[in-house]
Amino acid sequence: TMKEGSGSRVRISLNSTNIVLHRPHPSPDMDKGAVRT
């Protein structure tokens, strides 16, 4: 499940595990740090 947070934040919940990621901008591509997370 994905919920929009403030700004570019996206709250994600999967199998009782939660994380907040930042939607990449201005490029639609994720950097290495975001992919590692």
PDB file of all heavy atoms in Angstrom:
ATOM      1  N   THR A   1       0.867  -1.174   0.000  1.00  0.00           N
ATOM      2  CA  THR A   1       0.000   0.000   0.000  1.00  0.00           C
ATOM      3  C   THR A   1       0.901   1.220   0.000  1.00  0.00           C
ATOM      4  O   THR A   1       1.921   1.252   0.688  1.00  0.00           O
ATOM      5  CB  THR A   1      -0.938   0.028   1.225  1.00  0.00           C
ATOM      6  OG1 THR A   1      -0.154  -0.010   2.416  1.00  0.00           O
ATOM      7  CG2 THR A   1      -1.884  -1.154   1.214  1.00  0.00           C
ATOM      8  N   MET A   2       0.511   2.215  -0.773  1.00  0.00           N
ATOM      9  CA  MET A   2       1.317   3.429  -0.914  1.00  0.00           C
ATOM     10  C   MET A   2       0.441   4.634  -0.613  1.00  0.00           C
ATOM     11  O   MET A   2      -0.668   4.737  -1.125  1.00  0.00           O
ATOM     12  CB  MET A   2       1.904   3.508  -2.312  1.00  0.00           C
ATOM     13  CG  MET A   2       2.759   2.310  -2.655  1.00  0.00           C
ATOM     14  SD  MET A   2       3.370   2.322  -4.347  1.00  0.00           S
ATOM     15  CE  MET A   2       4.586   3.602  -4.220  1.00  0.00           C
ATOM     16  N   LYS A   3       0.957   5.540   0.226  1.00  0.00           N
ATOM     17  CA  LYS A   3       0.238   6.759   0.565  1.00  0.00           C
ATOM     18  C   LYS A   3       1.162   7.944   0.335  1.00  0.00           C
ATOM     19  O   LYS A   3       2.340   7.898   0.686  1.00  0.00           O
ATOM     20  CB  LYS A   3      -0.211   6.743   2.031  1.00  0.00           C
ATOM     21  CG  LYS A   3      -1.238   5.682   2.333  1.00  0.00           C
ATOM     22  CD  LYS A   3      -1.667   5.752   3.773  1.00  0.00           C
ATOM     23  CE  LYS A   3      -2.669   4.644   4.062  1.00  0.00           C
ATOM     24  NZ  LYS A   3      -3.044   4.609   5.463  1.00  0.00           N
ATOM     25  N   GLU A   4       0.591   8.982  -0.239  1.00  0.00           N
ATOM     26  CA  GLU A   4       1.354  10.207  -0.481  1.00  0.00           C
ATOM     27  C   GLU A   4       1.598  10.922   0.838  1.00  0.00           C
ATOM     28  O   GLU A   4       0.683  11.079   1.648  1.00  0.00           O
ATOM     29  CB  GLU A   4       0.591  11.129  -1.428  1.00  0.00           C
ATOM     30  CG  GLU A   4       0.386  10.549  -2.809  1.00  0.00           C
ATOM     31  CD  GLU A   4       1.683  10.380  -3.580  1.00  0.00           C
ATOM     32  OE1 GLU A   4       2.565  11.245  -3.466  1.00  0.00           O
ATOM     33  OE2 GLU A   4       1.794   9.382  -4.291  1.00  0.00           O
ATOM     34  N   GLY A   5       2.815  11.352   1.044  1.00  0.00           N
ATOM     35  CA  GLY A   5       3.149  12.154   2.200  1.00  0.00           C
ATOM     36  C   GLY A   5       3.319  13.593   1.765  1.00  0.00           C
ATOM     37  O   GLY A   5       2.912  13.973   0.668  1.00  0.00           O
ATOM     38  N   SER A   6       3.948  14.401   2.586  1.00  0.00           N
ATOM     39  CA  SER A   6       4.177  15.789   2.209  1.00  0.00           C
ATOM     40  C   SER A   6       5.356  15.881   1.248  1.00  0.00           C
ATOM     41  O   SER A   6       6.301  15.100   1.326  1.00  0.00           O
ATOM     42  CB  SER A   6       4.429  16.641   3.453  1.00  0.00           C
ATOM     43  OG  SER A   6       5.570  16.178   4.137  1.00  0.00           O
ATOM     44  N   GLY A   7       5.259  16.809   0.339  1.00  0.00           N
ATOM     45  CA  GLY A   7       6.317  16.974  -0.652  1.00  0.00           C
ATOM     46  C   GLY A   7       6.411  15.764  -1.558  1.00  0.00           C
ATOM     47  O   GLY A   7       5.416  15.293  -2.099  1.00  0.00           O
ATOM     48  N   SER A   8       7.609  15.219  -1.698  1.00  0.00           N
ATOM     49  CA  SER A   8       7.808  14.069  -2.585  1.00  0.00           C
ATOM     50  C   SER A   8       7.848  12.748  -1.814  1.00  0.00           C
ATOM     51  O   SER A   8       8.211  11.722  -2.366  1.00  0.00           O
ATOM     52  CB  SER A   8       9.108  14.252  -3.369  1.00  0.00           C
ATOM     53  OG  SER A   8      10.211  14.283  -2.486  1.00  0.00           O
ATOM     54  N   ARG A   9       7.454  12.769  -0.545  1.00  0.00           N
ATOM     55  CA  ARG A   9       7.499  11.555   0.269  1.00  0.00           C
ATOM     56  C   ARG A   9       6.365  10.589  -0.087  1.00  0.00           C
ATOM     57  O   ARG A   9       5.245  11.005  -0.367  1.00  0.00           O
ATOM     58  CB  ARG A   9       7.404  11.900   1.746  1.00  0.00           C
ATOM     59  CG  ARG A   9       8.617  12.625   2.267  1.00  0.00           C
ATOM     60  CD  ARG A   9       8.460  12.892   3.754  1.00  0.00           C
ATOM     61  NE  ARG A   9       9.550  13.695   4.234  1.00  0.00           N
ATOM     62  CZ  ARG A   9       9.489  15.022   4.394  1.00  0.00           C
ATOM     63  NH1 ARG A   9       8.380  15.677   4.119  1.00  0.00           N
ATOM     64  NH2 ARG A   9      10.544  15.687   4.819  1.00  0.00           N
ATOM     65  N   VAL A  10       6.703   9.308  -0.051  1.00  0.00           N
ATOM     66  CA  VAL A  10       5.717   8.260  -0.285  1.00  0.00           C
ATOM     67  C   VAL A  10       5.879   7.235   0.828  1.00  0.00           C
ATOM     68  O   VAL A  10       6.968   6.700   1.038  1.00  0.00           O
ATOM     69  CB  VAL A  10       5.934   7.579  -1.664  1.00  0.00           C
ATOM     70  CG1 VAL A  10       4.920   6.483  -1.883  1.00  0.00           C
ATOM     71  CG2 VAL A  10       5.881   8.593  -2.782  1.00  0.00           C
ATOM     72  N   ARG A  11       4.796   6.974   1.557  1.00  0.00           N
ATOM     73  CA  ARG A  11       4.805   5.979   2.626  1.00  0.00           C
ATOM     74  C   ARG A  11       4.390   4.643   2.029  1.00  0.00           C
ATOM     75  O   ARG A  11       3.349   4.535   1.395  1.00  0.00           O
ATOM     76  CB  ARG A  11       3.836   6.374   3.726  1.00  0.00           C
ATOM     77  CG  ARG A  11       4.303   7.540   4.543  1.00  0.00           C
ATOM     78  CD  ARG A  11       3.209   7.961   5.541  1.00  0.00           C
ATOM     79  NE  ARG A  11       3.668   8.919   6.506  1.00  0.00           N
ATOM     80  CZ  ARG A  11       3.947  10.197   6.250  1.00  0.00           C
ATOM     81  NH1 ARG A  11       3.827  10.650   5.031  1.00  0.00           N
ATOM     82  NH2 ARG A  11       4.352  11.001   7.198  1.00  0.00           N
ATOM     83  N   ILE A  12       5.223   3.630   2.260  1.00  0.00           N
ATOM     84  CA  ILE A  12       4.987   2.315   1.674  1.00  0.00           C
ATOM     85  C   ILE A  12       4.919   1.285   2.787  1.00  0.00           C
ATOM     86  O   ILE A  12       5.756   1.276   3.692  1.00  0.00           O
ATOM     87  CB  ILE A  12       6.121   1.954   0.694  1.00  0.00           C
ATOM     88  CG1 ILE A  12       6.249   3.029  -0.387  1.00  0.00           C
ATOM     89  CG2 ILE A  12       5.868   0.589   0.064  1.00  0.00           C
ATOM     90  CD1 ILE A  12       7.523   2.944  -1.192  1.00  0.00           C
ATOM     91  N   SER A  13       3.922   0.403   2.706  1.00  0.00           N
ATOM     92  CA  SER A  13       3.761  -0.679   3.669  1.00  0.00           C
ATOM     93  C   SER A  13       3.618  -1.983   2.898  1.00  0.00           C
ATOM     94  O   SER A  13       2.806  -2.087   1.982  1.00  0.00           O
ATOM     95  CB  SER A  13       2.516  -0.436   4.531  1.00  0.00           C
ATOM     96  OG  SER A  13       2.350  -1.486   5.445  1.00  0.00           O
ATOM     97  N   LEU A  14       4.448  -2.971   3.271  1.00  0.00           N
ATOM     98  CA  LEU A  14       4.427  -4.273   2.604  1.00  0.00           C
ATOM     99  C   LEU A  14       4.757  -5.343   3.637  1.00  0.00           C
ATOM    100  O   LEU A  14       5.814  -5.286   4.283  1.00  0.00           O
ATOM    101  CB  LEU A  14       5.452  -4.303   1.470  1.00  0.00           C
ATOM    102  CG  LEU A  14       5.618  -5.602   0.697  1.00  0.00           C
ATOM    103  CD1 LEU A  14       4.314  -5.971  -0.015  1.00  0.00           C
ATOM    104  CD2 LEU A  14       6.741  -5.480  -0.317  1.00  0.00           C
ATOM    105  N   ASN A  15       3.848  -6.295   3.820  1.00  0.00           N
ATOM    106  CA  ASN A  15       4.052  -7.399   4.764  1.00  0.00           C
ATOM    107  C   ASN A  15       4.456  -6.895   6.153  1.00  0.00           C
ATOM    108  O   ASN A  15       5.425  -7.363   6.747  1.00  0.00           O
ATOM    109  CB  ASN A  15       5.098  -8.379   4.235  1.00  0.00           C
ATOM    110  CG  ASN A  15       4.685  -9.022   2.936  1.00  0.00           C
ATOM    111  OD1 ASN A  15       3.507  -9.102   2.620  1.00  0.00           O
ATOM    112  ND2 ASN A  15       5.657  -9.461   2.162  1.00  0.00           N
ATOM    113  N   SER A  16       3.730  -5.919   6.664  1.00  0.00           N
ATOM    114  CA  SER A  16       3.963  -5.326   7.998  1.00  0.00           C
ATOM    115  C   SER A  16       5.314  -4.625   8.119  1.00  0.00           C
ATOM    116  O   SER A  16       5.800  -4.401   9.228  1.00  0.00           O
ATOM    117  CB  SER A  16       3.822  -6.387   9.100  1.00  0.00           C
ATOM    118  OG  SER A  16       2.544  -6.961   9.070  1.00  0.00           O
ATOM    119  N   THR A  17       5.938  -4.296   7.006  1.00  0.00           N
ATOM    120  CA  THR A  17       7.185  -3.540   6.997  1.00  0.00           C
ATOM    121  C   THR A  17       6.890  -2.188   6.351  1.00  0.00           C
ATOM    122  O   THR A  17       6.226  -2.126   5.320  1.00  0.00           O
ATOM    123  CB  THR A  17       8.264  -4.280   6.186  1.00  0.00           C
ATOM    124  OG1 THR A  17       8.399  -5.604   6.712  1.00  0.00           O
ATOM    125  CG2 THR A  17       9.603  -3.579   6.261  1.00  0.00           C
ATOM    126  N   ASN A  18       7.369  -1.120   6.986  1.00  0.00           N
ATOM    127  CA  ASN A  18       7.064   0.229   6.514  1.00  0.00           C
ATOM    128  C   ASN A  18       8.334   0.987   6.173  1.00  0.00           C
ATOM    129  O   ASN A  18       9.379   0.775   6.793  1.00  0.00           O
ATOM    130  CB  ASN A  18       6.283   0.995   7.581  1.00  0.00           C
ATOM    131  CG  ASN A  18       5.002   0.307   7.944  1.00  0.00           C
ATOM    132  OD1 ASN A  18       4.186   0.020   7.076  1.00  0.00           O
ATOM    133  ND2 ASN A  18       4.823   0.024   9.223  1.00  0.00           N
ATOM    134  N   ILE A  19       8.193   1.914   5.216  1.00  0.00           N
ATOM    135  CA  ILE A  19       9.304   2.779   4.833  1.00  0.00           C
ATOM    136  C   ILE A  19       8.727   4.059   4.237  1.00  0.00           C
ATOM    137  O   ILE A  19       7.607   4.063   3.724  1.00  0.00           O
ATOM    138  CB  ILE A  19      10.237   2.075   3.824  1.00  0.00           C
ATOM    139  CG1 ILE A  19      11.534   2.858   3.642  1.00  0.00           C
ATOM    140  CG2 ILE A  19       9.540   1.877   2.489  1.00  0.00           C
ATOM    141  CD1 ILE A  19      12.585   2.128   2.845  1.00  0.00           C
ATOM    142  N   VAL A  20       9.504   5.123   4.325  1.00  0.00           N
ATOM    143  CA  VAL A  20       9.163   6.370   3.649  1.00  0.00           C
ATOM    144  C   VAL A  20      10.281   6.645   2.656  1.00  0.00           C
ATOM    145  O   VAL A  20      11.452   6.734   3.035  1.00  0.00           O
ATOM    146  CB  VAL A  20       9.030   7.550   4.641  1.00  0.00           C
ATOM    147  CG1 VAL A  20       8.769   8.850   3.889  1.00  0.00           C
ATOM    148  CG2 VAL A  20       7.933   7.279   5.649  1.00  0.00           C
ATOM    149  N   LEU A  21       9.930   6.725   1.385  1.00  0.00           N
ATOM    150  CA  LEU A  21      10.889   7.040   0.335  1.00  0.00           C
ATOM    151  C   LEU A  21      10.525   8.376  -0.292  1.00  0.00           C
ATOM    152  O   LEU A  21       9.376   8.807  -0.236  1.00  0.00           O
ATOM    153  CB  LEU A  21      10.880   5.959  -0.758  1.00  0.00           C
ATOM    154  CG  LEU A  21      11.392   4.578  -0.374  1.00  0.00           C
ATOM    155  CD1 LEU A  21      11.205   3.615  -1.546  1.00  0.00           C
ATOM    156  CD2 LEU A  21      12.850   4.639   0.017  1.00  0.00           C
ATOM    157  N   HIS A  22      11.514   9.002  -0.906  1.00  0.00           N
ATOM    158  CA  HIS A  22      11.271  10.232  -1.645  1.00  0.00           C
ATOM    159  C   HIS A  22      11.168   9.899  -3.120  1.00  0.00           C
ATOM    160  O   HIS A  22      12.034   9.216  -3.664  1.00  0.00           O
ATOM    161  CB  HIS A  22      12.416  11.226  -1.421  1.00  0.00           C
ATOM    162  CG  HIS A  22      12.420  11.812  -0.057  1.00  0.00           C
ATOM    163  ND1 HIS A  22      11.854  13.027   0.215  1.00  0.00           N
ATOM    164  CD2 HIS A  22      12.880  11.346   1.116  1.00  0.00           C
ATOM    165  CE1 HIS A  22      11.978  13.290   1.497  1.00  0.00           C
ATOM    166  NE2 HIS A  22      12.607  12.277   2.074  1.00  0.00           N
ATOM    167  N   ARG A  23      10.096  10.367  -3.742  1.00  0.00           N
ATOM    168  CA  ARG A  23       9.930  10.188  -5.175  1.00  0.00           C
ATOM    169  C   ARG A  23      11.029  11.025  -5.854  1.00  0.00           C
ATOM    170  O   ARG A  23      11.212  12.193  -5.525  1.00  0.00           O
ATOM    171  CB  ARG A  23       8.544  10.687  -5.604  1.00  0.00           C
ATOM    172  CG  ARG A  23       8.281  10.577  -7.071  1.00  0.00           C
ATOM    173  CD  ARG A  23       6.882  11.023  -7.433  1.00  0.00           C
ATOM    174  NE  ARG A  23       5.954   9.956  -7.090  1.00  0.00           N
ATOM    175  CZ  ARG A  23       5.021  10.046  -6.155  1.00  0.00           C
ATOM    176  NH1 ARG A  23       4.874  11.154  -5.467  1.00  0.00           N
ATOM    177  NH2 ARG A  23       4.222   9.036  -5.904  1.00  0.00           N
ATOM    178  N   PRO A  24      11.799  10.409  -6.762  1.00  0.00           N
ATOM    179  CA  PRO A  24      12.897  11.150  -7.384  1.00  0.00           C
ATOM    180  C   PRO A  24      12.374  12.290  -8.266  1.00  0.00           C
ATOM    181  O   PRO A  24      11.344  12.154  -8.922  1.00  0.00           O
ATOM    182  CB  PRO A  24      13.615  10.090  -8.220  1.00  0.00           C
ATOM    183  CG  PRO A  24      12.639   8.995  -8.411  1.00  0.00           C
ATOM    184  CD  PRO A  24      11.691   9.042  -7.261  1.00  0.00           C
ATOM    185  N   HIS A  25      13.088  13.395  -8.223  1.00  0.00           N
ATOM    186  CA  HIS A  25      12.745  14.526  -9.076  1.00  0.00           C
ATOM    187  C   HIS A  25      13.969  15.387  -9.249  1.00  0.00           C
ATOM    188  O   HIS A  25      14.853  15.362  -8.401  1.00  0.00           O
ATOM    189  CB  HIS A  25      11.587  15.334  -8.486  1.00  0.00           C
ATOM    190  CG  HIS A  25      11.864  15.864  -7.100  1.00  0.00           C
ATOM    191  ND1 HIS A  25      12.573  17.009  -6.860  1.00  0.00           N
ATOM    192  CD2 HIS A  25      11.563  15.361  -5.889  1.00  0.00           C
ATOM    193  CE1 HIS A  25      12.675  17.210  -5.552  1.00  0.00           C
ATOM    194  NE2 HIS A  25      12.078  16.205  -4.934  1.00  0.00           N
ATOM    195  N   PRO A  26      14.191  16.086 -10.287  1.00  0.00           N
ATOM    196  CA  PRO A  26      13.325  16.215 -11.457  1.00  0.00           C
ATOM    197  C   PRO A  26      13.400  15.002 -12.382  1.00  0.00           C
ATOM    198  O   PRO A  26      12.530  14.789 -13.206  1.00  0.00           O
ATOM    199  CB  PRO A  26      13.830  17.454 -12.163  1.00  0.00           C
ATOM    200  CG  PRO A  26      15.272  17.523 -11.809  1.00  0.00           C
ATOM    201  CD  PRO A  26      15.367  16.941 -10.411  1.00  0.00           C
ATOM    202  N   SER A  27      14.425  14.177 -12.222  1.00  0.00           N
ATOM    203  CA  SER A  27      14.562  12.980 -13.046  1.00  0.00           C
ATOM    204  C   SER A  27      13.669  11.868 -12.487  1.00  0.00           C
ATOM    205  O   SER A  27      13.531  11.748 -11.276  1.00  0.00           O
ATOM    206  CB  SER A  27      16.023  12.514 -13.035  1.00  0.00           C
ATOM    207  OG  SER A  27      16.150  11.244 -13.613  1.00  0.00           O
ATOM    208  N   PRO A  28      13.086  11.034 -13.341  1.00  0.00           N
ATOM    209  CA  PRO A  28      12.261   9.926 -12.845  1.00  0.00           C
ATOM    210  C   PRO A  28      13.079   8.708 -12.410  1.00  0.00           C
ATOM    211  O   PRO A  28      12.513   7.698 -12.015  1.00  0.00           O
ATOM    212  CB  PRO A  28      11.391   9.589 -14.050  1.00  0.00           C
ATOM    213  CG  PRO A  28      12.248   9.925 -15.223  1.00  0.00           C
ATOM    214  CD  PRO A  28      13.042  11.141 -14.792  1.00  0.00           C
ATOM    215  N   ASP A  29      14.417   8.797 -12.472  1.00  0.00           N
ATOM    216  CA  ASP A  29      15.291   7.671 -12.163  1.00  0.00           C
ATOM    217  C   ASP A  29      15.766   7.711 -10.715  1.00  0.00           C
ATOM    218  O   ASP A  29      16.122   8.772 -10.197  1.00  0.00           O
ATOM    219  CB  ASP A  29      16.515   7.674 -13.076  1.00  0.00           C
ATOM    220  CG  ASP A  29      16.151   7.590 -14.540  1.00  0.00           C
ATOM    221  OD1 ASP A  29      15.065   7.068 -14.853  1.00  0.00           O
ATOM    222  OD2 ASP A  29      16.945   8.051 -15.379  1.00  0.00           O
ATOM    223  N   MET A  30      15.814   6.543 -10.073  1.00  0.00           N
ATOM    224  CA  MET A  30      16.308   6.438  -8.703  1.00  0.00           C
ATOM    225  C   MET A  30      17.835   6.402  -8.705  1.00  0.00           C
ATOM    226  O   MET A  30      18.436   5.802  -9.584  1.00  0.00           O
ATOM    227  CB  MET A  30      15.761   5.173  -8.050  1.00  0.00           C
ATOM    228  CG  MET A  30      14.254   5.158  -7.908  1.00  0.00           C
ATOM    229  SD  MET A  30      13.641   3.642  -7.162  1.00  0.00           S
ATOM    230  CE  MET A  30      14.209   3.843  -5.475  1.00  0.00           C
ATOM    231  N   ASP A  31      18.451   7.029  -7.691  1.00  0.00           N
ATOM    232  CA  ASP A  31      19.902   6.972  -7.573  1.00  0.00           C
ATOM    233  C   ASP A  31      20.296   5.715  -6.798  1.00  0.00           C
ATOM    234  O   ASP A  31      19.443   4.980  -6.289  1.00  0.00           O
ATOM    235  CB  ASP A  31      20.461   8.238  -6.927  1.00  0.00           C
ATOM    236  CG  ASP A  31      19.975   8.464  -5.500  1.00  0.00           C
ATOM    237  OD1 ASP A  31      19.511   7.508  -4.848  1.00  0.00           O
ATOM    238  OD2 ASP A  31      20.073   9.611  -5.033  1.00  0.00           O
ATOM    239  N   LYS A  32      21.603   5.456  -6.706  1.00  0.00           N
ATOM    240  CA  LYS A  32      22.091   4.221  -6.071  1.00  0.00           C
ATOM    241  C   LYS A  32      21.683   4.116  -4.610  1.00  0.00           C
ATOM    242  O   LYS A  32      21.346   3.040  -4.124  1.00  0.00           O
ATOM    243  CB  LYS A  32      23.612   4.135  -6.186  1.00  0.00           C
ATOM    244  CG  LYS A  32      24.091   3.787  -7.561  1.00  0.00           C
ATOM    245  CD  LYS A  32      25.597   3.633  -7.578  1.00  0.00           C
ATOM    246  CE  LYS A  32      26.074   3.306  -8.988  1.00  0.00           C
ATOM    247  NZ  LYS A  32      27.507   3.055  -9.031  1.00  0.00           N
ATOM    248  N   GLY A  33      21.713   5.223  -3.892  1.00  0.00           N
ATOM    249  CA  GLY A  33      21.340   5.198  -2.476  1.00  0.00           C
ATOM    250  C   GLY A  33      19.883   4.820  -2.275  1.00  0.00           C
ATOM    251  O   GLY A  33      19.551   4.034  -1.385  1.00  0.00           O
ATOM    252  N   ALA A  34      19.013   5.364  -3.100  1.00  0.00           N
ATOM    253  CA  ALA A  34      17.586   5.037  -3.001  1.00  0.00           C
ATOM    254  C   ALA A  34      17.333   3.583  -3.376  1.00  0.00           C
ATOM    255  O   ALA A  34      16.524   2.904  -2.744  1.00  0.00           O
ATOM    256  CB  ALA A  34      16.775   5.965  -3.901  1.00  0.00           C
ATOM    257  N   VAL A  35      18.044   3.082  -4.361  1.00  0.00           N
ATOM    258  CA  VAL A  35      17.887   1.681  -4.773  1.00  0.00           C
ATOM    259  C   VAL A  35      18.375   0.765  -3.659  1.00  0.00           C
ATOM    260  O   VAL A  35      17.741  -0.248  -3.352  1.00  0.00           O
ATOM    261  CB  VAL A  35      18.630   1.397  -6.098  1.00  0.00           C
ATOM    262  CG1 VAL A  35      18.596  -0.085  -6.441  1.00  0.00           C
ATOM    263  CG2 VAL A  35      18.033   2.204  -7.237  1.00  0.00           C
ATOM    264  N   ARG A  36      19.477   1.121  -3.009  1.00  0.00           N
ATOM    265  CA  ARG A  36      20.010   0.328  -1.897  1.00  0.00           C
ATOM    266  C   ARG A  36      18.997   0.284  -0.745  1.00  0.00           C
ATOM    267  O   ARG A  36      18.742  -0.779  -0.163  1.00  0.00           O
ATOM    268  CB  ARG A  36      21.336   0.917  -1.414  1.00  0.00           C
ATOM    269  CG  ARG A  36      22.048   0.083  -0.388  1.00  0.00           C
ATOM    270  CD  ARG A  36      23.409   0.665   0.030  1.00  0.00           C
ATOM    271  NE  ARG A  36      24.175   1.196  -1.082  1.00  0.00           N
ATOM    272  CZ  ARG A  36      24.449   2.494  -1.262  1.00  0.00           C
ATOM    273  NH1 ARG A  36      24.013   3.397  -0.401  1.00  0.00           N
ATOM    274  NH2 ARG A  36      25.166   2.893  -2.295  1.00  0.00           N
ATOM    275  N   THR A  37      18.396   1.424  -0.421  1.00  0.00           N
ATOM    276  CA  THR A  37      17.390   1.493   0.637  1.00  0.00           C
ATOM    277  C   THR A  37      16.172   0.648   0.282  1.00  0.00           C
ATOM    278  O   THR A  37      15.643  -0.085   1.127  1.00  0.00           O
ATOM    279  CB  THR A  37      16.967   2.954   0.871  1.00  0.00           C
ATOM    280  OG1 THR A  37      18.124   3.714   1.239  1.00  0.00           O
ATOM    281  CG2 THR A  37      15.922   3.062   1.961  1.00  0.00           C
TER     282      THR A  37
END
